N, C-alpha and C. Protein backbone atom coordinates (compact mmCIF):
# COMPACT_ATOMS: atom_id res chain seq x y z
N MET A 1 14.30 -44.11 17.35
CA MET A 1 14.96 -44.81 18.44
C MET A 1 15.43 -43.78 19.48
N ALA A 2 15.10 -43.99 20.72
CA ALA A 2 15.43 -43.06 21.79
C ALA A 2 16.90 -43.21 22.19
N LYS A 3 17.47 -42.07 22.54
CA LYS A 3 18.85 -42.09 23.03
C LYS A 3 18.87 -42.67 24.44
N SER A 4 19.97 -43.34 24.75
CA SER A 4 20.13 -43.86 26.11
C SER A 4 20.40 -42.70 27.06
N ALA A 5 20.20 -42.93 28.32
CA ALA A 5 20.45 -41.91 29.34
C ALA A 5 21.91 -41.48 29.34
N VAL A 6 22.80 -42.43 29.09
CA VAL A 6 24.24 -42.13 29.06
C VAL A 6 24.57 -41.21 27.88
N ALA A 7 23.99 -41.51 26.72
CA ALA A 7 24.22 -40.69 25.54
C ALA A 7 23.68 -39.28 25.74
N LYS A 8 22.51 -39.17 26.33
CA LYS A 8 21.91 -37.86 26.60
C LYS A 8 22.78 -37.05 27.55
N ALA A 9 23.30 -37.71 28.57
CA ALA A 9 24.16 -37.03 29.54
C ALA A 9 25.46 -36.57 28.89
N ALA A 10 26.00 -37.39 27.99
CA ALA A 10 27.25 -37.02 27.30
C ALA A 10 27.03 -35.80 26.40
N VAL A 11 25.92 -35.78 25.69
CA VAL A 11 25.62 -34.64 24.81
C VAL A 11 25.40 -33.38 25.64
N LYS A 12 24.69 -33.51 26.75
CA LYS A 12 24.46 -32.36 27.62
C LYS A 12 25.78 -31.82 28.17
N SER A 13 26.66 -32.71 28.59
CA SER A 13 27.97 -32.30 29.09
C SER A 13 28.78 -31.59 28.01
N ALA A 14 28.80 -32.16 26.81
CA ALA A 14 29.55 -31.55 25.70
C ALA A 14 28.97 -30.18 25.37
N ASN A 15 27.65 -30.05 25.37
CA ASN A 15 27.03 -28.76 25.08
C ASN A 15 27.37 -27.71 26.14
N ASN A 16 27.44 -28.13 27.40
CA ASN A 16 27.84 -27.20 28.47
C ASN A 16 29.29 -26.75 28.28
N ILE A 17 30.15 -27.66 27.88
CA ILE A 17 31.55 -27.31 27.63
C ILE A 17 31.63 -26.36 26.44
N VAL A 18 30.84 -26.60 25.39
CA VAL A 18 30.83 -25.73 24.21
C VAL A 18 30.47 -24.31 24.61
N LYS A 19 29.53 -24.13 25.52
CA LYS A 19 29.14 -22.79 25.97
C LYS A 19 30.33 -22.04 26.56
N VAL A 20 31.13 -22.73 27.35
CA VAL A 20 32.32 -22.13 27.95
C VAL A 20 33.35 -21.82 26.85
N LEU A 21 33.54 -22.78 25.94
CA LEU A 21 34.51 -22.60 24.86
C LEU A 21 34.13 -21.43 23.95
N ARG A 22 32.83 -21.25 23.70
CA ARG A 22 32.37 -20.16 22.85
C ARG A 22 32.77 -18.81 23.43
N LYS A 23 32.74 -18.71 24.76
CA LYS A 23 33.15 -17.47 25.43
C LYS A 23 34.65 -17.27 25.33
N MET A 24 35.40 -18.37 25.41
CA MET A 24 36.86 -18.30 25.36
C MET A 24 37.37 -18.06 23.94
N CYS A 25 36.71 -18.66 22.96
CA CYS A 25 37.15 -18.62 21.55
C CYS A 25 35.97 -18.25 20.65
N PRO A 26 35.47 -17.02 20.75
CA PRO A 26 34.24 -16.66 20.04
C PRO A 26 34.34 -16.70 18.51
N LYS A 27 35.54 -16.63 17.97
CA LYS A 27 35.69 -16.62 16.51
C LYS A 27 35.95 -18.01 15.92
N ALA A 28 36.03 -19.02 16.76
CA ALA A 28 36.28 -20.39 16.28
C ALA A 28 35.02 -20.96 15.65
N HIS A 29 35.20 -21.88 14.72
CA HIS A 29 34.06 -22.55 14.09
C HIS A 29 33.33 -23.41 15.12
N GLN A 30 32.01 -23.43 15.03
CA GLN A 30 31.18 -24.19 15.97
C GLN A 30 31.56 -25.68 15.99
N VAL A 31 31.79 -26.25 14.83
CA VAL A 31 32.10 -27.69 14.77
C VAL A 31 33.44 -27.98 15.46
N SER A 32 34.40 -27.07 15.33
CA SER A 32 35.69 -27.26 16.00
C SER A 32 35.52 -27.19 17.51
N LEU A 33 34.68 -26.28 17.98
CA LEU A 33 34.43 -26.19 19.41
C LEU A 33 33.74 -27.45 19.93
N PHE A 34 32.82 -28.00 19.14
CA PHE A 34 32.16 -29.22 19.57
C PHE A 34 33.14 -30.40 19.60
N HIS A 35 34.04 -30.49 18.61
CA HIS A 35 35.06 -31.54 18.62
C HIS A 35 35.95 -31.40 19.85
N LEU A 36 36.34 -30.16 20.15
CA LEU A 36 37.17 -29.91 21.34
C LEU A 36 36.41 -30.29 22.61
N ALA A 37 35.12 -29.96 22.67
CA ALA A 37 34.31 -30.31 23.84
C ALA A 37 34.23 -31.83 24.03
N ILE A 38 34.12 -32.56 22.95
CA ILE A 38 34.09 -34.02 23.03
C ILE A 38 35.42 -34.54 23.57
N ALA A 39 36.52 -33.97 23.08
CA ALA A 39 37.85 -34.37 23.57
C ALA A 39 37.99 -34.08 25.06
N ILE A 40 37.52 -32.91 25.48
CA ILE A 40 37.59 -32.54 26.91
C ILE A 40 36.72 -33.50 27.73
N HIS A 41 35.51 -33.72 27.28
CA HIS A 41 34.57 -34.61 27.99
C HIS A 41 35.16 -36.01 28.17
N ASN A 42 35.89 -36.48 27.16
CA ASN A 42 36.47 -37.83 27.20
C ASN A 42 37.88 -37.87 27.77
N ASN A 43 38.32 -36.76 28.35
CA ASN A 43 39.61 -36.67 29.04
C ASN A 43 40.82 -36.95 28.15
N TYR A 44 40.73 -36.52 26.88
CA TYR A 44 41.91 -36.64 26.02
C TYR A 44 42.98 -35.67 26.52
N LYS A 45 44.22 -36.02 26.29
CA LYS A 45 45.35 -35.19 26.74
C LYS A 45 45.72 -34.13 25.71
N TYR A 46 45.48 -34.43 24.42
CA TYR A 46 45.87 -33.52 23.33
C TYR A 46 44.73 -33.34 22.35
N PHE A 47 44.68 -32.15 21.77
CA PHE A 47 43.72 -31.85 20.70
C PHE A 47 44.51 -31.13 19.62
N CYS A 48 44.54 -31.70 18.44
CA CYS A 48 45.29 -31.12 17.33
C CYS A 48 44.31 -30.40 16.41
N THR A 49 44.60 -29.15 16.10
CA THR A 49 43.71 -28.34 15.30
C THR A 49 44.49 -27.31 14.48
N SER A 50 43.83 -26.80 13.46
CA SER A 50 44.39 -25.70 12.68
C SER A 50 43.62 -24.40 12.95
N GLU A 51 42.65 -24.45 13.85
CA GLU A 51 41.82 -23.28 14.18
C GLU A 51 42.63 -22.25 14.95
N LYS A 52 42.90 -21.13 14.32
CA LYS A 52 43.72 -20.09 14.94
C LYS A 52 43.12 -19.54 16.25
N PRO A 53 41.79 -19.31 16.32
CA PRO A 53 41.24 -18.83 17.61
C PRO A 53 41.46 -19.81 18.76
N ILE A 54 41.42 -21.10 18.47
CA ILE A 54 41.67 -22.11 19.51
C ILE A 54 43.16 -22.15 19.84
N LEU A 55 44.00 -22.09 18.83
CA LEU A 55 45.45 -22.11 19.07
C LEU A 55 45.90 -20.91 19.91
N ARG A 56 45.27 -19.77 19.69
CA ARG A 56 45.64 -18.57 20.47
C ARG A 56 45.29 -18.71 21.95
N LYS A 57 44.33 -19.55 22.28
CA LYS A 57 43.90 -19.73 23.67
C LYS A 57 44.44 -21.01 24.30
N LYS A 58 45.49 -21.58 23.70
CA LYS A 58 45.96 -22.89 24.17
C LYS A 58 46.42 -22.88 25.63
N LYS A 59 47.02 -21.81 26.11
CA LYS A 59 47.46 -21.76 27.51
C LYS A 59 46.26 -21.74 28.45
N SER A 60 45.26 -20.96 28.11
CA SER A 60 44.04 -20.89 28.93
C SER A 60 43.31 -22.22 28.94
N LEU A 61 43.25 -22.88 27.79
CA LEU A 61 42.57 -24.17 27.68
C LEU A 61 43.30 -25.25 28.48
N LEU A 62 44.62 -25.20 28.45
CA LEU A 62 45.41 -26.16 29.23
C LEU A 62 45.14 -25.96 30.72
N LYS A 63 45.12 -24.72 31.15
CA LYS A 63 44.91 -24.43 32.56
C LYS A 63 43.50 -24.82 33.01
N LYS A 64 42.49 -24.48 32.21
CA LYS A 64 41.11 -24.71 32.60
C LYS A 64 40.66 -26.16 32.43
N PHE A 65 41.07 -26.80 31.29
CA PHE A 65 40.54 -28.12 30.96
C PHE A 65 41.60 -29.23 30.96
N LYS A 66 42.85 -28.89 31.22
CA LYS A 66 43.93 -29.89 31.25
C LYS A 66 44.08 -30.63 29.92
N ILE A 67 43.92 -29.89 28.81
CA ILE A 67 44.10 -30.46 27.48
C ILE A 67 45.09 -29.57 26.72
N GLU A 68 46.09 -30.20 26.14
CA GLU A 68 47.10 -29.47 25.40
C GLU A 68 46.66 -29.33 23.94
N ILE A 69 46.68 -28.09 23.46
CA ILE A 69 46.28 -27.80 22.08
C ILE A 69 47.55 -27.75 21.23
N ILE A 70 47.56 -28.56 20.18
CA ILE A 70 48.72 -28.61 19.30
C ILE A 70 48.26 -28.47 17.85
N THR A 71 49.21 -28.22 16.95
CA THR A 71 48.91 -28.18 15.53
C THR A 71 49.96 -28.98 14.79
N ASP A 72 49.63 -29.38 13.61
CA ASP A 72 50.53 -30.16 12.76
C ASP A 72 51.39 -29.19 11.96
N PRO A 73 52.70 -29.15 12.18
CA PRO A 73 53.55 -28.20 11.46
C PRO A 73 53.68 -28.51 9.96
N PHE A 74 53.23 -29.68 9.54
CA PHE A 74 53.37 -30.07 8.14
C PHE A 74 52.08 -29.92 7.35
N VAL A 75 51.06 -29.29 7.97
CA VAL A 75 49.78 -29.12 7.27
C VAL A 75 49.94 -28.09 6.15
N ASP A 76 49.19 -28.30 5.07
CA ASP A 76 49.26 -27.33 3.97
C ASP A 76 48.48 -26.07 4.36
N ASN A 77 48.66 -25.02 3.62
CA ASN A 77 48.00 -23.75 3.91
C ASN A 77 46.80 -23.52 3.00
N SER A 78 46.02 -24.58 2.76
CA SER A 78 44.88 -24.49 1.86
C SER A 78 43.70 -23.74 2.47
N GLY A 79 43.74 -23.51 3.77
CA GLY A 79 42.63 -22.85 4.43
C GLY A 79 41.62 -23.81 5.02
N ASN A 80 41.79 -25.10 4.77
CA ASN A 80 40.88 -26.09 5.33
C ASN A 80 41.19 -26.29 6.81
N THR A 81 40.14 -26.47 7.60
CA THR A 81 40.29 -26.69 9.03
C THR A 81 40.34 -28.18 9.32
N PHE A 82 41.20 -28.58 10.24
CA PHE A 82 41.23 -29.97 10.66
C PHE A 82 41.24 -30.03 12.17
N ASN A 83 40.72 -31.12 12.72
CA ASN A 83 40.73 -31.38 14.16
C ASN A 83 40.91 -32.86 14.36
N TYR A 84 41.73 -33.26 15.33
CA TYR A 84 41.75 -34.65 15.76
C TYR A 84 42.25 -34.72 17.17
N TYR A 85 41.93 -35.84 17.84
CA TYR A 85 42.25 -36.02 19.25
C TYR A 85 43.37 -37.03 19.39
N LEU A 86 44.13 -36.87 20.45
CA LEU A 86 45.21 -37.81 20.76
C LEU A 86 45.12 -38.21 22.22
């Protein structure tokens, strides 16, 4: 089944954002960067993550993409990565 033109455009946009994010946060996991790109593409105001490379760049990300990066202070320290949008 072929993707719609809208879906193709959304994926292309997210991939372009990922390229920029990779330069800003080169040590972040690829999947986290893609989740962040989707949040940026969809104009979410907040992105909650445990990814330290992304958290370290939160001021730059706010300035460039108008998205606030936050983390959950009650998350366990198991080493598992989480991401969600608000």
